[in-house]
Protein backbone atom coordinates (compact mmCIF):
# COMPACT_ATOMS: atom_id res chain seq x y z
CA UNK A 1 37.29 -43.62 60.55
CA UNK A 2 36.89 -46.61 62.87
CA UNK A 3 33.17 -46.22 62.63
CA UNK A 4 33.27 -46.34 58.79
CA UNK A 5 35.59 -49.48 59.06
CA UNK A 6 32.87 -50.98 61.41
CA UNK A 7 30.14 -50.28 58.95
CA UNK A 8 32.20 -51.85 56.06
CA UNK A 9 32.57 -55.18 57.97
CA UNK A 10 29.00 -55.12 59.13
CA UNK A 11 27.76 -55.44 55.62
CA UNK A 12 27.95 -59.29 54.85
CA UNK A 13 28.58 -59.22 51.13
CA UNK A 14 31.14 -56.52 51.38
CA UNK A 15 32.89 -58.18 54.26
CA UNK A 16 33.08 -61.51 52.37
CA UNK A 17 34.45 -59.76 49.24
CA UNK A 18 37.21 -58.02 51.31
CA UNK A 19 38.20 -61.11 53.24
CA UNK A 20 38.24 -63.19 50.09
CA UNK A 21 40.47 -60.58 48.42
CA UNK A 22 42.93 -60.54 51.38
CA UNK A 23 43.03 -64.35 51.47
CA UNK A 24 43.92 -64.55 47.67
CA UNK A 25 46.59 -61.80 48.14
CA UNK A 26 48.09 -63.82 51.03
CA UNK A 27 48.27 -66.92 48.79
CA UNK A 28 50.22 -64.83 46.28
CA UNK A 29 52.70 -63.58 48.94
CA UNK A 30 53.27 -67.27 50.14
CA UNK A 31 54.05 -68.43 46.54
CA UNK A 32 56.24 -65.50 46.08
CA UNK A 33 58.63 -66.88 48.72
CA UNK A 34 58.95 -70.46 47.13
CA UNK A 35 62.23 -70.78 45.27
CA UNK A 36 62.56 -73.11 42.33
CA UNK A 37 64.08 -76.43 43.50
CA UNK A 38 67.04 -76.11 40.77
CA UNK A 39 68.21 -72.72 42.07
CA UNK A 40 71.26 -72.07 44.12
CA UNK A 41 69.95 -69.20 46.29
CA UNK A 42 73.38 -68.15 47.54
CA UNK A 43 74.84 -67.86 44.13
CA UNK A 44 71.81 -65.85 42.88
CA UNK A 45 72.17 -63.38 45.77
CA UNK A 46 75.94 -62.88 44.97
CA UNK A 47 75.34 -62.61 41.20
CA UNK A 48 72.55 -60.10 41.20
CA UNK A 49 74.20 -58.23 44.12
CA UNK A 50 77.17 -57.65 41.82
CA UNK A 51 75.05 -56.63 38.85
CA UNK A 52 72.72 -54.28 40.77
CA UNK A 53 73.51 -51.45 38.28
CA UNK A 54 72.90 -53.65 35.16
CA UNK A 55 70.77 -56.73 34.86
CA UNK A 56 69.79 -56.74 38.61
CA UNK A 57 68.57 -53.14 38.20
CA UNK A 58 66.51 -54.10 35.07
CA UNK A 59 64.89 -57.04 36.78
CA UNK A 60 63.99 -54.98 39.91
CA UNK A 61 62.41 -52.35 37.68
CA UNK A 62 60.45 -54.97 35.82
CA UNK A 63 59.41 -56.44 39.11
CA UNK A 64 57.91 -53.09 40.15
CA UNK A 65 55.05 -53.31 37.53
CA UNK A 66 54.70 -57.05 37.05
CA UNK A 67 54.43 -58.58 40.66
CA UNK A 68 57.49 -60.74 39.70
CA UNK A 69 60.58 -61.87 41.53
CA UNK A 70 63.19 -62.81 38.76
CA UNK A 71 66.29 -61.98 41.08
CA UNK A 72 65.01 -64.81 43.47
CA UNK A 73 63.64 -67.34 40.85
CA UNK A 74 60.49 -68.34 42.79
CA UNK A 75 57.58 -70.30 41.29
CA UNK A 76 55.92 -66.92 40.74
CA UNK A 77 59.10 -65.61 39.25
CA UNK A 78 57.64 -64.23 35.99
CA UNK A 79 54.66 -62.65 37.97
CA UNK A 80 51.94 -61.36 35.74
CA UNK A 81 54.48 -59.77 33.27
CA UNK A 82 53.41 -62.17 30.41
CA UNK A 83 49.70 -61.37 30.90
CA UNK A 84 50.41 -57.60 30.91
CA UNK A 85 52.49 -58.07 27.83
CA UNK A 86 49.75 -60.08 25.98
CA UNK A 87 47.08 -57.55 27.04
CA UNK A 88 49.15 -54.66 25.63
CA UNK A 89 49.80 -56.47 22.45
CA UNK A 90 46.12 -57.06 21.92
CA UNK A 91 45.20 -53.56 22.73
CA UNK A 92 47.69 -52.26 20.22
CA UNK A 93 46.55 -54.75 17.62
CA UNK A 94 43.02 -53.74 18.19
CA UNK A 95 43.67 -50.18 16.73
CA UNK A 96 45.34 -51.45 13.59
CA UNK A 97 43.97 -54.99 12.83
CA UNK A 98 40.38 -54.98 11.43
CA UNK A 99 39.02 -58.40 12.73
CA UNK A 100 40.26 -57.54 16.27
CA UNK A 101 38.83 -54.11 16.16
CA UNK A 102 35.61 -55.68 14.99
CA UNK A 103 35.63 -57.92 18.07
CA UNK A 104 36.21 -54.88 20.29
CA UNK A 105 33.03 -53.37 19.10
CA UNK A 106 30.76 -56.43 19.69
CA UNK A 107 30.49 -55.72 23.37
CA UNK A 108 30.56 -58.39 26.06
CA UNK A 109 30.87 -61.39 23.66
CA UNK A 110 33.77 -59.74 21.81
CA UNK A 111 35.49 -58.94 25.11
CA UNK A 112 35.29 -62.52 26.33
CA UNK A 113 36.77 -63.66 23.00
CA UNK A 114 39.74 -61.27 23.32
CA UNK A 115 40.37 -62.33 26.94
CA UNK A 116 40.50 -66.10 25.69
CA UNK A 117 43.10 -65.02 23.12
CA UNK A 118 44.92 -63.13 25.73
CA UNK A 119 45.16 -66.10 27.92
CA UNK A 120 46.53 -68.27 25.07
CA UNK A 121 49.07 -65.67 24.33
CA UNK A 122 50.03 -65.40 27.92
CA UNK A 123 50.91 -69.22 28.10
CA UNK A 124 52.97 -69.03 24.91
CA UNK A 125 54.86 -65.91 26.34
CA UNK A 126 55.44 -67.69 29.67
CA UNK A 127 57.04 -70.67 27.83
CA UNK A 128 59.30 -68.58 25.85
CA UNK A 129 60.36 -66.18 28.71
CA UNK A 130 60.74 -68.99 31.30
CA UNK A 131 62.76 -71.08 28.91
CA UNK A 132 65.24 -68.18 28.27
CA UNK A 133 65.39 -67.28 31.97
CA UNK A 134 66.09 -70.92 33.06
CA UNK A 135 68.80 -71.30 30.38
CA UNK A 136 70.38 -68.02 31.53
CA UNK A 137 70.55 -69.49 35.13
CA UNK A 138 72.13 -72.68 33.84
CA UNK A 139 74.77 -70.79 31.76
CA UNK A 140 75.67 -68.60 34.72
CA UNK A 141 76.06 -71.56 37.16
CA UNK A 142 73.21 -70.38 39.35
CA UNK A 143 71.67 -73.85 39.66
CA UNK A 144 72.57 -76.63 42.17
CA UNK A 145 75.00 -79.26 40.93
CA UNK A 146 73.22 -81.88 38.87
CA UNK A 147 70.05 -79.82 38.31
CA UNK A 148 71.13 -78.28 34.99
CA UNK A 149 69.89 -81.10 32.82
CA UNK A 150 67.08 -80.81 30.29
CA UNK A 151 64.53 -82.65 32.35
CA UNK A 152 65.01 -80.32 35.21
CA UNK A 153 65.07 -77.21 33.02
CA UNK A 154 61.69 -78.39 31.48
CA UNK A 155 60.33 -78.94 35.04
CA UNK A 156 61.45 -75.35 35.98
CA UNK A 157 59.91 -73.96 32.77
CA UNK A 158 56.51 -75.72 33.42
CA UNK A 159 56.51 -74.68 37.04
CA UNK A 160 57.07 -71.01 36.16
CA UNK A 161 54.44 -71.15 33.43
CA UNK A 162 51.97 -72.82 35.86
CA UNK A 163 52.80 -70.13 38.45
CA UNK A 164 51.89 -67.25 36.08
CA UNK A 165 48.76 -69.02 34.90
CA UNK A 166 47.70 -69.43 38.55
CA UNK A 167 48.32 -65.76 39.21
CA UNK A 168 46.19 -64.84 36.19
CA UNK A 169 43.45 -67.15 37.59
CA UNK A 170 43.86 -65.57 40.91
CA UNK A 171 43.43 -61.96 39.47
CA UNK A 172 40.26 -63.09 37.66
CA UNK A 173 38.96 -64.72 40.89
CA UNK A 174 39.31 -61.25 42.65
CA UNK A 175 37.62 -59.60 39.74
CA UNK A 176 34.60 -61.86 39.95
CA UNK A 177 34.18 -62.66 43.64
CA UNK A 178 36.45 -60.09 45.47
CA UNK A 179 36.72 -56.35 45.32
CA UNK A 180 38.98 -54.23 43.12
CA UNK A 181 40.95 -55.07 39.98
CA UNK A 182 42.65 -58.45 40.64
CA UNK A 183 45.80 -57.84 38.45
CA UNK A 184 46.31 -54.32 39.79
CA UNK A 185 45.91 -55.43 43.46
CA UNK A 186 48.63 -58.21 42.83
CA UNK A 187 51.02 -55.46 41.47
CA UNK A 188 50.31 -53.15 44.48
CA UNK A 189 50.87 -56.04 46.95
CA UNK A 190 54.21 -56.55 45.47
CA UNK A 191 55.08 -52.89 45.76
CA UNK A 192 53.78 -52.44 49.26
CA UNK A 193 55.70 -55.54 50.37
CA UNK A 194 58.95 -53.79 49.73
CA UNK A 195 58.06 -50.70 51.68
CA UNK A 196 58.89 -52.21 55.10
CA UNK A 197 62.31 -53.31 54.10
CA UNK A 198 63.15 -49.93 52.48
CA UNK A 199 61.83 -48.07 55.59
CA UNK A 200 63.94 -50.25 57.86
CA UNK A 201 67.09 -49.59 55.75
CA UNK A 202 66.29 -45.81 56.27
CA UNK A 203 66.00 -45.87 60.08
CA UNK A 204 68.28 -48.76 60.91
CA UNK A 205 71.39 -46.55 61.34
CA UNK A 206 69.40 -44.54 63.91
CA UNK A 207 69.07 -47.41 66.20
CA UNK A 208 72.47 -48.76 65.65
CA UNK A 209 74.18 -45.32 66.41
CA UNK A 210 72.06 -44.40 69.36
CA UNK A 211 69.22 -42.12 68.34
CA UNK A 212 68.36 -39.20 66.10
CA UNK A 213 70.85 -36.44 65.27
CA UNK A 214 70.57 -32.93 63.69
CA UNK A 215 72.31 -33.19 60.36
CA UNK A 216 73.16 -36.24 58.26
CA UNK A 217 76.52 -38.15 58.74
CA UNK A 218 77.52 -41.07 56.65
CA UNK A 219 74.58 -43.47 56.14
CA UNK A 220 72.52 -41.91 59.03
CA UNK A 221 69.96 -39.32 58.16
CA UNK A 222 69.11 -36.45 60.41
CA UNK A 223 65.85 -35.54 61.93
CA UNK A 224 65.42 -32.64 59.34
CA UNK A 225 65.74 -35.17 56.50
CA UNK A 226 63.01 -37.36 57.99
CA UNK A 227 60.73 -34.45 58.23
CA UNK A 228 61.44 -33.35 54.60
CA UNK A 229 60.78 -37.00 53.51
CA UNK A 230 57.48 -37.13 55.38
CA UNK A 231 56.23 -33.86 53.99
CA UNK A 232 57.37 -34.81 50.52
CA UNK A 233 55.69 -38.17 50.73
CA UNK A 234 52.29 -36.63 51.59
CA UNK A 235 52.63 -33.95 48.93
CA UNK A 236 53.46 -36.51 46.11
CA UNK A 237 50.47 -38.73 47.03
CA UNK A 238 48.25 -35.78 47.21
CA UNK A 239 49.46 -34.56 43.75
CA UNK A 240 48.98 -38.06 42.31
CA UNK A 241 45.44 -38.18 43.62
CA UNK A 242 44.74 -34.72 42.21
CA UNK A 243 46.07 -35.38 38.78
CA UNK A 244 44.40 -38.85 38.73
CA UNK A 245 41.03 -37.41 39.27
CA UNK A 246 41.74 -34.21 37.08
CA UNK A 247 39.27 -33.77 34.24
CA UNK A 248 38.52 -31.14 31.53
CA UNK A 249 34.90 -30.95 31.29
CA UNK A 250 33.58 -30.20 27.77
CA UNK A 251 29.99 -28.78 27.99
CA UNK A 252 27.51 -30.66 25.80
CA UNK A 253 23.81 -30.24 25.06
CA UNK A 254 21.30 -32.63 23.78
CA UNK A 255 18.93 -31.67 20.91
CA UNK A 256 15.27 -30.99 21.74
CA UNK A 257 12.56 -33.48 20.66
CA UNK A 258 8.84 -32.61 20.55
CA UNK A 259 6.49 -35.63 20.96
CA UNK A 260 2.91 -34.69 21.16
CA UNK A 261 2.74 -31.95 23.79
CA UNK A 262 5.84 -32.80 25.53
CA UNK A 263 9.49 -31.56 24.93
CA UNK A 264 12.32 -33.96 25.45
CA UNK A 265 16.02 -33.37 25.59
CA UNK A 266 17.53 -29.99 25.58
CA UNK A 267 19.45 -30.65 28.87
CA UNK A 268 23.03 -29.54 29.48
CA UNK A 269 25.67 -31.97 30.61
CA UNK A 270 29.43 -32.34 30.33
CA UNK A 271 31.96 -34.76 28.65
CA UNK A 272 34.77 -35.48 31.05
CA UNK A 273 38.34 -35.83 29.50
CA UNK A 274 40.90 -37.18 31.88
CA UNK A 275 44.09 -35.03 32.12
CA UNK A 276 46.13 -38.20 32.74
CA UNK A 277 44.61 -40.38 30.15
CA UNK A 278 47.57 -42.62 29.72
CA UNK A 279 47.83 -43.56 33.33
CA UNK A 280 51.08 -45.17 34.36
CA UNK A 281 51.91 -46.85 30.98
CA UNK A 282 54.27 -44.02 29.78
CA UNK A 283 56.55 -44.35 32.86
CA UNK A 284 56.61 -48.18 32.47
CA UNK A 285 57.63 -47.98 28.77
CA UNK A 286 60.11 -45.17 29.27
CA UNK A 287 61.88 -46.79 32.26
CA UNK A 288 61.91 -50.23 30.50
CA UNK A 289 63.37 -48.77 27.24
CA UNK A 290 66.07 -46.94 29.08
CA UNK A 291 67.19 -49.93 31.02
CA UNK A 292 67.99 -52.07 27.96
CA UNK A 293 70.74 -49.57 26.85
CA UNK A 294 72.08 -49.69 30.27
CA UNK A 295 72.64 -53.45 30.13
CA UNK A 296 73.74 -53.40 26.47
CA UNK A 297 76.41 -50.63 26.89
CA UNK A 298 77.43 -52.15 30.18
CA UNK A 299 78.63 -55.37 28.22
CA UNK A 300 80.44 -53.20 25.51
CA UNK A 301 82.06 -50.88 28.08
CA UNK A 302 85.00 -53.24 28.21
CA UNK A 303 86.12 -52.19 24.66
CA UNK A 304 86.66 -48.67 25.88
CA UNK A 305 86.25 -45.40 23.81
CA UNK A 306 82.79 -44.40 22.93
CA UNK A 307 81.14 -47.54 24.38
CA UNK A 308 82.58 -46.57 27.82
CA UNK A 309 81.16 -43.12 27.52
CA UNK A 310 77.78 -44.26 26.53
CA UNK A 311 77.92 -46.80 29.43
CA UNK A 312 78.66 -43.94 31.82
CA UNK A 313 75.74 -41.86 30.45
CA UNK A 314 73.09 -44.55 30.69
CA UNK A 315 74.57 -46.09 34.07
CA UNK A 316 74.34 -42.80 35.85
CA UNK A 317 70.72 -42.39 36.44
CA UNK A 318 71.36 -39.02 38.32
CA UNK A 319 72.90 -37.49 35.10
CA UNK A 320 71.39 -34.75 33.14
CA UNK A 321 71.37 -36.49 29.84
CA UNK A 322 69.89 -39.57 31.22
CA UNK A 323 66.98 -37.63 32.83
CA UNK A 324 66.34 -35.48 29.82
CA UNK A 325 65.91 -38.59 27.66
CA UNK A 326 63.62 -40.08 30.45
CA UNK A 327 61.24 -36.99 30.37
CA UNK A 328 61.29 -37.00 26.45
CA UNK A 329 60.28 -40.60 26.27
CA UNK A 330 57.59 -40.03 28.89
CA UNK A 331 56.13 -37.32 26.65
CA UNK A 332 56.36 -39.51 23.57
CA UNK A 333 54.60 -42.47 25.18
CA UNK A 334 51.98 -40.20 26.75
CA UNK A 335 50.96 -39.00 23.32
CA UNK A 336 51.39 -42.40 21.79
CA UNK A 337 49.21 -44.18 24.39
CA UNK A 338 46.60 -41.55 24.32
CA UNK A 339 46.33 -41.63 20.48
CA UNK A 340 45.68 -45.45 20.83
CA UNK A 341 43.10 -45.41 23.66
CA UNK A 342 41.35 -42.09 22.78
CA UNK A 343 39.59 -41.89 19.42
CA UNK A 344 37.98 -38.43 19.02
CA UNK A 345 36.22 -39.45 15.66
CA UNK A 346 34.47 -42.35 17.45
CA UNK A 347 33.54 -40.01 20.26
CA UNK A 348 32.12 -37.46 17.99
CA UNK A 349 30.25 -40.13 16.05
CA UNK A 350 28.65 -41.30 19.35
CA UNK A 351 27.65 -37.74 20.41
CA UNK A 352 25.96 -37.24 17.01
CA UNK A 353 24.16 -40.58 17.14
CA UNK A 354 22.68 -39.73 20.49
CA UNK A 355 21.64 -36.40 19.35
CA UNK A 356 24.09 -34.54 21.64
CA UNK A 357 26.43 -31.64 20.41
CA UNK A 358 29.07 -29.40 21.77
CA UNK A 359 27.80 -25.76 21.71
CA UNK A 360 29.68 -23.71 18.90
CA UNK A 361 30.83 -26.79 16.92
CA UNK A 362 29.10 -28.68 14.31
CA UNK A 363 28.56 -32.46 14.92
CA UNK A 364 30.96 -34.72 12.98
CA UNK A 365 34.45 -33.69 11.87
CA UNK A 366 34.35 -30.06 13.56
CA UNK A 367 33.64 -31.90 16.83
CA UNK A 368 36.34 -34.41 16.44
CA UNK A 369 38.91 -31.84 15.61
CA UNK A 370 37.95 -29.84 18.62
CA UNK A 371 38.08 -32.86 20.97
CA UNK A 372 41.62 -33.83 19.41
CA UNK A 373 42.89 -30.25 20.04
CA UNK A 374 41.68 -30.28 23.62
CA UNK A 375 43.18 -33.67 24.28
CA UNK A 376 46.58 -32.67 22.87
CA UNK A 377 46.58 -29.73 25.33
CA UNK A 378 45.66 -31.52 28.43
CA UNK A 379 48.01 -34.40 27.57
CA UNK A 380 50.83 -32.01 27.67
CA UNK A 381 49.91 -31.21 31.28
CA UNK A 382 49.56 -34.78 32.28
CA UNK A 383 52.76 -35.75 30.64
CA UNK A 384 54.46 -33.04 32.56
CA UNK A 385 53.09 -34.27 35.77
CA UNK A 386 54.23 -37.95 35.01
CA UNK A 387 57.67 -36.64 34.19
CA UNK A 388 57.89 -34.79 37.51
CA UNK A 389 56.80 -37.88 39.44
CA UNK A 390 59.26 -40.04 37.51
CA UNK A 391 62.37 -37.85 38.36
CA UNK A 392 61.39 -37.12 42.03
CA UNK A 393 63.14 -40.39 43.22
CA UNK A 394 66.35 -39.21 41.51
CA UNK A 395 66.13 -35.73 42.91
CA UNK A 396 65.45 -37.05 46.52
CA UNK A 397 68.36 -39.56 46.27
CA UNK A 398 70.81 -36.91 44.95
CA UNK A 399 69.86 -33.92 47.14
CA UNK A 400 69.15 -35.69 50.41
CA UNK A 401 71.63 -38.42 49.88
CA UNK A 402 69.12 -41.27 50.47
CA UNK A 403 69.43 -44.87 49.11
CA UNK A 404 67.80 -45.17 45.81
CA UNK A 405 65.63 -48.01 46.96
CA UNK A 406 64.10 -45.89 49.61
CA UNK A 407 63.80 -42.79 47.27
CA UNK A 408 61.89 -44.94 44.79
CA UNK A 409 58.83 -44.83 47.14
CA UNK A 410 58.65 -41.04 46.76
CA UNK A 411 57.72 -41.09 43.16
CA UNK A 412 58.09 -43.20 39.94
CA UNK A 413 56.08 -46.19 38.77
CA UNK A 414 55.70 -47.73 42.17
CA UNK A 415 54.11 -44.99 44.08
CA UNK A 416 51.94 -44.01 41.08
CA UNK A 417 50.57 -47.53 40.75
CA UNK A 418 49.93 -48.08 44.45
CA UNK A 419 48.09 -44.71 44.92
CA UNK A 420 46.06 -45.19 41.77
CA UNK A 421 45.02 -48.77 42.68
CA UNK A 422 44.34 -47.92 46.25
CA UNK A 423 42.04 -44.95 45.25
CA UNK A 424 40.24 -47.32 42.76
CA UNK A 425 39.63 -49.65 45.55
CA UNK A 426 38.27 -47.01 47.91
CA UNK A 427 35.79 -45.90 45.12
CA UNK A 428 34.59 -49.42 44.73
CA UNK A 429 34.04 -49.78 48.38
CA UNK A 430 32.32 -46.40 48.41
CA UNK A 431 29.87 -47.69 45.72
CA UNK A 432 28.83 -50.57 47.90
CA UNK A 433 28.29 -48.08 50.88
CA UNK A 434 26.31 -45.55 48.90
CA UNK A 435 24.15 -48.28 47.44
CA UNK A 436 23.09 -49.18 51.08
CA UNK A 437 22.58 -45.50 51.90
CA UNK A 438 25.76 -45.20 53.96
CA UNK A 439 28.32 -42.30 53.60
CA UNK A 440 31.33 -43.05 51.54
CA UNK A 441 34.87 -43.32 52.98
CA UNK A 442 35.95 -39.96 51.35
CA UNK A 443 32.97 -37.98 52.59
């Protein structure tokens, strides 16, 4: 492994890309710590500490997949959440709105135009979200005395908007001059930055109470729990990699063409269909959707009766009803997102245009129907895997009596994003090594 690392940094171009990427990520982490000048940090900690099961929980979940820091109100407080929202909006519109769908089919020029529209939409979303957020801080007396005036609010809104725009630019610089997907690396950096704190919370009682013990007592975990957690972590990561790379390979064959005395085509290939076509999006949508009722019913719980019962259902994330709803929503969004991103008709038409067919199925509608049937089946398996990964933190927290903040690194959105992005980064480094006739990192 050390030899491979030495080879990586001995390649000038690759070394420059990696160091530039690390430098830009370091800039992001520095800005993540700079609090807005109007914010009373002590009041923020008290407020979001008291609402850890409601609004604070919602903001922490949003922070997992948006590289944001809304509970600290920093200059990068919104993270890249507005950019992600704008990208999803345009992706959804591209499947239902004709002009945008036409742009998507224009290749590189159309993609650049859509990216330009996405940036404009990001700024508009930033202005709206930051204005509501700053007003919320003022109404809850979370700002310093004398800093709740309109000019200071406008300053905070512009600062947070500029912070998100800078992060968007940072991600694009990583895409162009660094290595890996810039936006994904920013999200992964935010997730990994929380891991040392969570790990310290797990092992701190061991040092405070004088070493490891067999059997858990109070907030101190036993040595057998640490072994189980280590094995479980390795198993979950291996499972995520396995499903991320999982494919259903559909055999295809190209038609033969006779030109003069030579025969072209007739070769057998395969069409790879990903098992987890939707990626991490179903977990993001499902967890976000379930946290809004948590906050909503939390405010109405004071009226008692049915509202209090509903609040207990959604507030208890370890409960049976909550987890059943979570799994059902993951399945729904898996099929929903796959239906948007995977178009069997277009794929069948492309195969037909290139003179390729699936043995046993006529080109055109029969091929499209077959591809849709296969995708429905493998999506069921992918959704089942995502559901399992999503509820593992709940199971770990309940059965092993581990803090939910620690258990969240054994599944759910955070671990899935971190492993997927890390594996994508390794593949891109591999491509540079193979191009120069070196062995890849995974060989």
